[in-house]
Amino acid sequence: MRNRRHTLLWMKDLLEHMSQCHDQLQWASDDPTQAFLADSLIGDLVECQKLCEELRGPKNRRPAREMVLS
């Protein structure tokens, strides 16, 4: 497991980026921009899930639920 502090800082950065994307998405009016921001948010969610599983540690690891994206 990588350094817990590093993992938490990375997660904080991802959450801040997600917040910025969300704000931009509220004002985006064209489909390509909306798709780009939505894809960015999905990527950040996947990374956050990985970080959460890493913080959970091997002892408490449960089978990872795949995020269902529709």
PDB file of N, CA and C in Angstrom:
ATOM      1  N   MET A   1       0.855  -1.186   0.000  1.00  0.00           N
ATOM      2  CA  MET A   1       0.000   0.000   0.000  1.00  0.00           C
ATOM      3  C   MET A   1       0.886   1.229   0.000  1.00  0.00           C
ATOM      4  N   ARG A   2       0.524   2.168  -0.816  1.00  0.00           N
ATOM      5  CA  ARG A   2       1.306   3.394  -0.852  1.00  0.00           C
ATOM      6  C   ARG A   2       1.035   4.203   0.410  1.00  0.00           C
ATOM      7  N   ASN A   3       1.760   5.223   0.572  1.00  0.00           N
ATOM      8  CA  ASN A   3       1.653   6.101   1.723  1.00  0.00           C
ATOM      9  C   ASN A   3       0.218   6.614   1.866  1.00  0.00           C
ATOM     10  N   ARG A   4      -0.374   6.419   3.039  1.00  0.00           N
ATOM     11  CA  ARG A   4      -1.764   6.825   3.283  1.00  0.00           C
ATOM     12  C   ARG A   4      -1.974   8.311   3.032  1.00  0.00           C
ATOM     13  N   ARG A   5      -1.025   9.119   3.490  1.00  0.00           N
ATOM     14  CA  ARG A   5      -1.152  10.572   3.295  1.00  0.00           C
ATOM     15  C   ARG A   5      -1.172  10.923   1.810  1.00  0.00           C
ATOM     16  N   HIS A   6      -0.309  10.284   1.047  1.00  0.00           N
ATOM     17  CA  HIS A   6      -0.266  10.513  -0.395  1.00  0.00           C
ATOM     18  C   HIS A   6      -1.588  10.109  -1.041  1.00  0.00           C
ATOM     19  N   THR A   7      -2.124   8.966  -0.625  1.00  0.00           N
ATOM     20  CA  THR A   7      -3.387   8.484  -1.164  1.00  0.00           C
ATOM     21  C   THR A   7      -4.519   9.455  -0.862  1.00  0.00           C
ATOM     22  N   LEU A   8      -4.569   9.953   0.357  1.00  0.00           N
ATOM     23  CA  LEU A   8      -5.626  10.895   0.743  1.00  0.00           C
ATOM     24  C   LEU A   8      -5.494  12.232   0.004  1.00  0.00           C
ATOM     25  N   LEU A   9      -4.272  12.686  -0.204  1.00  0.00           N
ATOM     26  CA  LEU A   9      -4.068  13.929  -0.961  1.00  0.00           C
ATOM     27  C   LEU A   9      -4.496  13.756  -2.414  1.00  0.00           C
ATOM     28  N   TRP A  10      -4.167  12.603  -2.980  1.00  0.00           N
ATOM     29  CA  TRP A  10      -4.568  12.333  -4.354  1.00  0.00           C
ATOM     30  C   TRP A  10      -6.091  12.299  -4.458  1.00  0.00           C
ATOM     31  N   MET A  11      -6.737  11.670  -3.479  1.00  0.00           N
ATOM     32  CA  MET A  11      -8.192  11.615  -3.469  1.00  0.00           C
ATOM     33  C   MET A  11      -8.790  13.017  -3.357  1.00  0.00           C
ATOM     34  N   LYS A  12      -8.196  13.849  -2.521  1.00  0.00           N
ATOM     35  CA  LYS A  12      -8.675  15.232  -2.369  1.00  0.00           C
ATOM     36  C   LYS A  12      -8.570  15.978  -3.691  1.00  0.00           C
ATOM     37  N   ASP A  13      -7.442  15.804  -4.401  1.00  0.00           N
ATOM     38  CA  ASP A  13      -7.271  16.452  -5.699  1.00  0.00           C
ATOM     39  C   ASP A  13      -8.320  15.969  -6.699  1.00  0.00           C
ATOM     40  N   LEU A  14      -8.585  14.673  -6.696  1.00  0.00           N
ATOM     41  CA  LEU A  14      -9.602  14.131  -7.600  1.00  0.00           C
ATOM     42  C   LEU A  14     -10.979  14.719  -7.295  1.00  0.00           C
ATOM     43  N   LEU A  15     -11.308  14.819  -6.018  1.00  0.00           N
ATOM     44  CA  LEU A  15     -12.615  15.362  -5.637  1.00  0.00           C
ATOM     45  C   LEU A  15     -12.745  16.836  -6.019  1.00  0.00           C
ATOM     46  N   GLU A  16     -11.660  17.580  -5.879  1.00  0.00           N
ATOM     47  CA  GLU A  16     -11.680  18.987  -6.303  1.00  0.00           C
ATOM     48  C   GLU A  16     -11.866  19.083  -7.814  1.00  0.00           C
ATOM     49  N   HIS A  17     -11.184  18.219  -8.554  1.00  0.00           N
ATOM     50  CA  HIS A  17     -11.343  18.214 -10.007  1.00  0.00           C
ATOM     51  C   HIS A  17     -12.773  17.847 -10.399  1.00  0.00           C
ATOM     52  N   MET A  18     -13.350  16.889  -9.689  1.00  0.00           N
ATOM     53  CA  MET A  18     -14.733  16.501  -9.966  1.00  0.00           C
ATOM     54  C   MET A  18     -15.687  17.656  -9.708  1.00  0.00           C
ATOM     55  N   SER A  19     -15.429  18.415  -8.666  1.00  0.00           N
ATOM     56  CA  SER A  19     -16.267  19.568  -8.355  1.00  0.00           C
ATOM     57  C   SER A  19     -16.182  20.616  -9.465  1.00  0.00           C
ATOM     58  N   GLN A  20     -14.974  20.837  -9.968  1.00  0.00           N
ATOM     59  CA  GLN A  20     -14.793  21.794 -11.063  1.00  0.00           C
ATOM     60  C   GLN A  20     -15.499  21.321 -12.329  1.00  0.00           C
ATOM     61  N   CYS A  21     -15.376  20.034 -12.626  1.00  0.00           N
ATOM     62  CA  CYS A  21     -16.058  19.473 -13.801  1.00  0.00           C
ATOM     63  C   CYS A  21     -17.571  19.595 -13.656  1.00  0.00           C
ATOM     64  N   HIS A  22     -18.054  19.354 -12.455  1.00  0.00           N
ATOM     65  CA  HIS A  22     -19.498  19.467 -12.201  1.00  0.00           C
ATOM     66  C   HIS A  22     -19.962  20.899 -12.454  1.00  0.00           C
ATOM     67  N   ASP A  23     -19.211  21.866 -11.950  1.00  0.00           N
ATOM     68  CA  ASP A  23     -19.562  23.272 -12.173  1.00  0.00           C
ATOM     69  C   ASP A  23     -19.579  23.606 -13.661  1.00  0.00           C
ATOM     70  N   GLN A  24     -18.578  23.129 -14.393  1.00  0.00           N
ATOM     71  CA  GLN A  24     -18.518  23.382 -15.834  1.00  0.00           C
ATOM     72  C   GLN A  24     -19.654  22.682 -16.562  1.00  0.00           C
ATOM     73  N   LEU A  25     -19.990  21.498 -16.103  1.00  0.00           N
ATOM     74  CA  LEU A  25     -21.060  20.738 -16.734  1.00  0.00           C
ATOM     75  C   LEU A  25     -22.408  21.443 -16.602  1.00  0.00           C
ATOM     76  N   GLN A  26     -22.602  22.147 -15.508  1.00  0.00           N
ATOM     77  CA  GLN A  26     -23.863  22.874 -15.325  1.00  0.00           C
ATOM     78  C   GLN A  26     -24.041  23.964 -16.378  1.00  0.00           C
ATOM     79  N   TRP A  27     -22.935  24.510 -16.875  1.00  0.00           N
ATOM     80  CA  TRP A  27     -23.008  25.609 -17.834  1.00  0.00           C
ATOM     81  C   TRP A  27     -22.750  25.175 -19.267  1.00  0.00           C
ATOM     82  N   ALA A  28     -22.288  23.958 -19.456  1.00  0.00           N
ATOM     83  CA  ALA A  28     -21.984  23.479 -20.810  1.00  0.00           C
ATOM     84  C   ALA A  28     -23.275  23.353 -21.615  1.00  0.00           C
ATOM     85  N   SER A  29     -23.234  23.854 -22.831  1.00  0.00           N
ATOM     86  CA  SER A  29     -24.451  23.825 -23.639  1.00  0.00           C
ATOM     87  C   SER A  29     -24.323  22.960 -24.888  1.00  0.00           C
ATOM     88  N   ASP A  30     -23.112  22.505 -25.212  1.00  0.00           N
ATOM     89  CA  ASP A  30     -22.972  21.691 -26.419  1.00  0.00           C
ATOM     90  C   ASP A  30     -22.642  20.246 -26.045  1.00  0.00           C
ATOM     91  N   ASP A  31     -23.089  19.342 -26.871  1.00  0.00           N
ATOM     92  CA  ASP A  31     -22.936  17.913 -26.597  1.00  0.00           C
ATOM     93  C   ASP A  31     -21.482  17.457 -26.459  1.00  0.00           C
ATOM     94  N   PRO A  32     -20.569  17.904 -27.326  1.00  0.00           N
ATOM     95  CA  PRO A  32     -19.179  17.445 -27.173  1.00  0.00           C
ATOM     96  C   PRO A  32     -18.563  17.853 -25.825  1.00  0.00           C
ATOM     97  N   THR A  33     -18.851  19.043 -25.368  1.00  0.00           N
ATOM     98  CA  THR A  33     -18.321  19.495 -24.080  1.00  0.00           C
ATOM     99  C   THR A  33     -18.935  18.695 -22.944  1.00  0.00           C
ATOM    100  N   GLN A  34     -20.238  18.477 -23.003  1.00  0.00           N
ATOM    101  CA  GLN A  34     -20.901  17.689 -21.974  1.00  0.00           C
ATOM    102  C   GLN A  34     -20.353  16.267 -21.935  1.00  0.00           C
ATOM    103  N   ALA A  35     -20.119  15.676 -23.097  1.00  0.00           N
ATOM    104  CA  ALA A  35     -19.583  14.314 -23.154  1.00  0.00           C
ATOM    105  C   ALA A  35     -18.167  14.270 -22.587  1.00  0.00           C
ATOM    106  N   PHE A  36     -17.349  15.265 -22.923  1.00  0.00           N
ATOM    107  CA  PHE A  36     -15.978  15.313 -22.424  1.00  0.00           C
ATOM    108  C   PHE A  36     -15.965  15.412 -20.896  1.00  0.00           C
ATOM    109  N   LEU A  37     -16.781  16.305 -20.348  1.00  0.00           N
ATOM    110  CA  LEU A  37     -16.820  16.486 -18.897  1.00  0.00           C
ATOM    111  C   LEU A  37     -17.380  15.255 -18.199  1.00  0.00           C
ATOM    112  N   ALA A  38     -18.393  14.640 -18.782  1.00  0.00           N
ATOM    113  CA  ALA A  38     -18.958  13.426 -18.195  1.00  0.00           C
ATOM    114  C   ALA A  38     -17.916  12.299 -18.196  1.00  0.00           C
ATOM    115  N   ASP A  39     -17.178  12.156 -19.286  1.00  0.00           N
ATOM    116  CA  ASP A  39     -16.121  11.141 -19.341  1.00  0.00           C
ATOM    117  C   ASP A  39     -15.040  11.416 -18.306  1.00  0.00           C
ATOM    118  N   SER A  40     -14.710  12.676 -18.116  1.00  0.00           N
ATOM    119  CA  SER A  40     -13.716  13.051 -17.114  1.00  0.00           C
ATOM    120  C   SER A  40     -14.190  12.682 -15.709  1.00  0.00           C
ATOM    121  N   LEU A  41     -15.456  12.937 -15.431  1.00  0.00           N
ATOM    122  CA  LEU A  41     -16.024  12.591 -14.133  1.00  0.00           C
ATOM    123  C   LEU A  41     -16.023  11.074 -13.918  1.00  0.00           C
ATOM    124  N   ILE A  42     -16.356  10.323 -14.954  1.00  0.00           N
ATOM    125  CA  ILE A  42     -16.355   8.865 -14.838  1.00  0.00           C
ATOM    126  C   ILE A  42     -14.951   8.358 -14.533  1.00  0.00           C
ATOM    127  N   GLY A  43     -13.950   8.907 -15.213  1.00  0.00           N
ATOM    128  CA  GLY A  43     -12.567   8.510 -14.951  1.00  0.00           C
ATOM    129  C   GLY A  43     -12.155   8.814 -13.524  1.00  0.00           C
ATOM    130  N   ASP A  44     -12.547   9.983 -13.031  1.00  0.00           N
ATOM    131  CA  ASP A  44     -12.230  10.348 -11.655  1.00  0.00           C
ATOM    132  C   ASP A  44     -12.917   9.419 -10.661  1.00  0.00           C
ATOM    133  N   LEU A  45     -14.160   9.037 -10.960  1.00  0.00           N
ATOM    134  CA  LEU A  45     -14.876   8.110 -10.076  1.00  0.00           C
ATOM    135  C   LEU A  45     -14.175   6.762  -9.996  1.00  0.00           C
ATOM    136  N   VAL A  46     -13.701   6.275 -11.126  1.00  0.00           N
ATOM    137  CA  VAL A  46     -12.987   4.998 -11.148  1.00  0.00           C
ATOM    138  C   VAL A  46     -11.721   5.091 -10.303  1.00  0.00           C
ATOM    139  N   GLU A  47     -10.977   6.187 -10.453  1.00  0.00           N
ATOM    140  CA  GLU A  47      -9.751   6.374  -9.668  1.00  0.00           C
ATOM    141  C   GLU A  47     -10.061   6.487  -8.180  1.00  0.00           C
ATOM    142  N   CYS A  48     -11.130   7.210  -7.833  1.00  0.00           N
ATOM    143  CA  CYS A  48     -11.524   7.322  -6.422  1.00  0.00           C
ATOM    144  C   CYS A  48     -11.897   5.961  -5.852  1.00  0.00           C
ATOM    145  N   GLN A  49     -12.571   5.139  -6.638  1.00  0.00           N
ATOM    146  CA  GLN A  49     -12.931   3.801  -6.178  1.00  0.00           C
ATOM    147  C   GLN A  49     -11.674   2.989  -5.891  1.00  0.00           C
ATOM    148  N   LYS A  50     -10.683   3.073  -6.767  1.00  0.00           N
ATOM    149  CA  LYS A  50      -9.428   2.348  -6.560  1.00  0.00           C
ATOM    150  C   LYS A  50      -8.733   2.823  -5.287  1.00  0.00           C
ATOM    151  N   LEU A  51      -8.721   4.131  -5.072  1.00  0.00           N
ATOM    152  CA  LEU A  51      -8.076   4.672  -3.874  1.00  0.00           C
ATOM    153  C   LEU A  51      -8.800   4.221  -2.614  1.00  0.00           C
ATOM    154  N   CYS A  52     -10.131   4.209  -2.644  1.00  0.00           N
ATOM    155  CA  CYS A  52     -10.904   3.753  -1.482  1.00  0.00           C
ATOM    156  C   CYS A  52     -10.611   2.287  -1.182  1.00  0.00           C
ATOM    157  N   GLU A  53     -10.526   1.469  -2.224  1.00  0.00           N
ATOM    158  CA  GLU A  53     -10.211   0.060  -2.023  1.00  0.00           C
ATOM    159  C   GLU A  53      -8.808  -0.106  -1.464  1.00  0.00           C
ATOM    160  N   GLU A  54      -7.890   0.742  -1.907  1.00  0.00           N
ATOM    161  CA  GLU A  54      -6.524   0.695  -1.390  1.00  0.00           C
ATOM    162  C   GLU A  54      -6.502   1.071   0.093  1.00  0.00           C
ATOM    163  N   LEU A  55      -7.273   2.082   0.464  1.00  0.00           N
ATOM    164  CA  LEU A  55      -7.329   2.496   1.869  1.00  0.00           C
ATOM    165  C   LEU A  55      -7.994   1.432   2.742  1.00  0.00           C
ATOM    166  N   ARG A  56      -8.917   0.700   2.158  1.00  0.00           N
ATOM    167  CA  ARG A  56      -9.609  -0.352   2.894  1.00  0.00           C
ATOM    168  C   ARG A  56      -8.619  -1.427   3.332  1.00  0.00           C
ATOM    169  N   GLY A  57      -7.628  -1.674   2.512  1.00  0.00           N
ATOM    170  CA  GLY A  57      -6.578  -2.625   2.859  1.00  0.00           C
ATOM    171  C   GLY A  57      -6.956  -4.049   2.549  1.00  0.00           C
ATOM    172  N   PRO A  58      -5.951  -4.931   2.500  1.00  0.00           N
ATOM    173  CA  PRO A  58      -6.205  -6.325   2.119  1.00  0.00           C
ATOM    174  C   PRO A  58      -7.039  -7.102   3.133  1.00  0.00           C
ATOM    175  N   LYS A  59      -6.950  -6.767   4.412  1.00  0.00           N
ATOM    176  CA  LYS A  59      -7.719  -7.493   5.432  1.00  0.00           C
ATOM    177  C   LYS A  59      -9.209  -7.292   5.262  1.00  0.00           C
ATOM    178  N   ASN A  60      -9.594  -6.077   4.924  1.00  0.00           N
ATOM    179  CA  ASN A  60     -11.010  -5.728   4.849  1.00  0.00           C
ATOM    180  C   ASN A  60     -11.538  -5.713   3.424  1.00  0.00           C
ATOM    181  N   ARG A  61     -10.779  -6.261   2.508  1.00  0.00           N
ATOM    182  CA  ARG A  61     -11.167  -6.205   1.112  1.00  0.00           C
ATOM    183  C   ARG A  61     -12.330  -7.145   0.848  1.00  0.00           C
ATOM    184  N   ARG A  62     -13.340  -6.596   0.263  1.00  0.00           N
ATOM    185  CA  ARG A  62     -14.483  -7.382  -0.189  1.00  0.00           C
ATOM    186  C   ARG A  62     -14.402  -7.433  -1.706  1.00  0.00           C
ATOM    187  N   PRO A  63     -15.137  -8.326  -2.321  1.00  0.00           N
ATOM    188  CA  PRO A  63     -15.141  -8.309  -3.781  1.00  0.00           C
ATOM    189  C   PRO A  63     -15.600  -6.943  -4.270  1.00  0.00           C
ATOM    190  N   ALA A  64     -14.806  -6.378  -5.148  1.00  0.00           N
ATOM    191  CA  ALA A  64     -15.124  -5.033  -5.651  1.00  0.00           C
ATOM    192  C   ALA A  64     -16.381  -5.088  -6.497  1.00  0.00           C
ATOM    193  N   ARG A  65     -17.267  -4.160  -6.226  1.00  0.00           N
ATOM    194  CA  ARG A  65     -18.449  -4.038  -7.054  1.00  0.00           C
ATOM    195  C   ARG A  65     -18.063  -3.179  -8.249  1.00  0.00           C
ATOM    196  N   GLU A  66     -18.392  -3.651  -9.399  1.00  0.00           N
ATOM    197  CA  GLU A  66     -18.118  -2.873 -10.597  1.00  0.00           C
ATOM    198  C   GLU A  66     -19.155  -1.758 -10.674  1.00  0.00           C
ATOM    199  N   MET A  67     -18.684  -0.592 -11.049  1.00  0.00           N
ATOM    200  CA  MET A  67     -19.601   0.509 -11.226  1.00  0.00           C
ATOM    201  C   MET A  67     -20.362   0.274 -12.525  1.00  0.00           C
ATOM    202  N   VAL A  68     -21.667   0.335 -12.436  1.00  0.00           N
ATOM    203  CA  VAL A  68     -22.481   0.157 -13.621  1.00  0.00           C
ATOM    204  C   VAL A  68     -22.768   1.535 -14.181  1.00  0.00           C
ATOM    205  N   LEU A  69     -22.322   1.730 -15.394  1.00  0.00           N
ATOM    206  CA  LEU A  69     -22.501   3.020 -16.040  1.00  0.00           C
ATOM    207  C   LEU A  69     -23.466   2.846 -17.182  1.00  0.00           C
ATOM    208  N   SER A  70     -24.488   3.666 -17.181  1.00  0.00           N
ATOM    209  CA  SER A  70     -25.441   3.565 -18.281  1.00  0.00           C
ATOM    210  C   SER A  70     -25.518   4.873 -19.012  1.00  0.00           C
TER     211      SER A  70
END
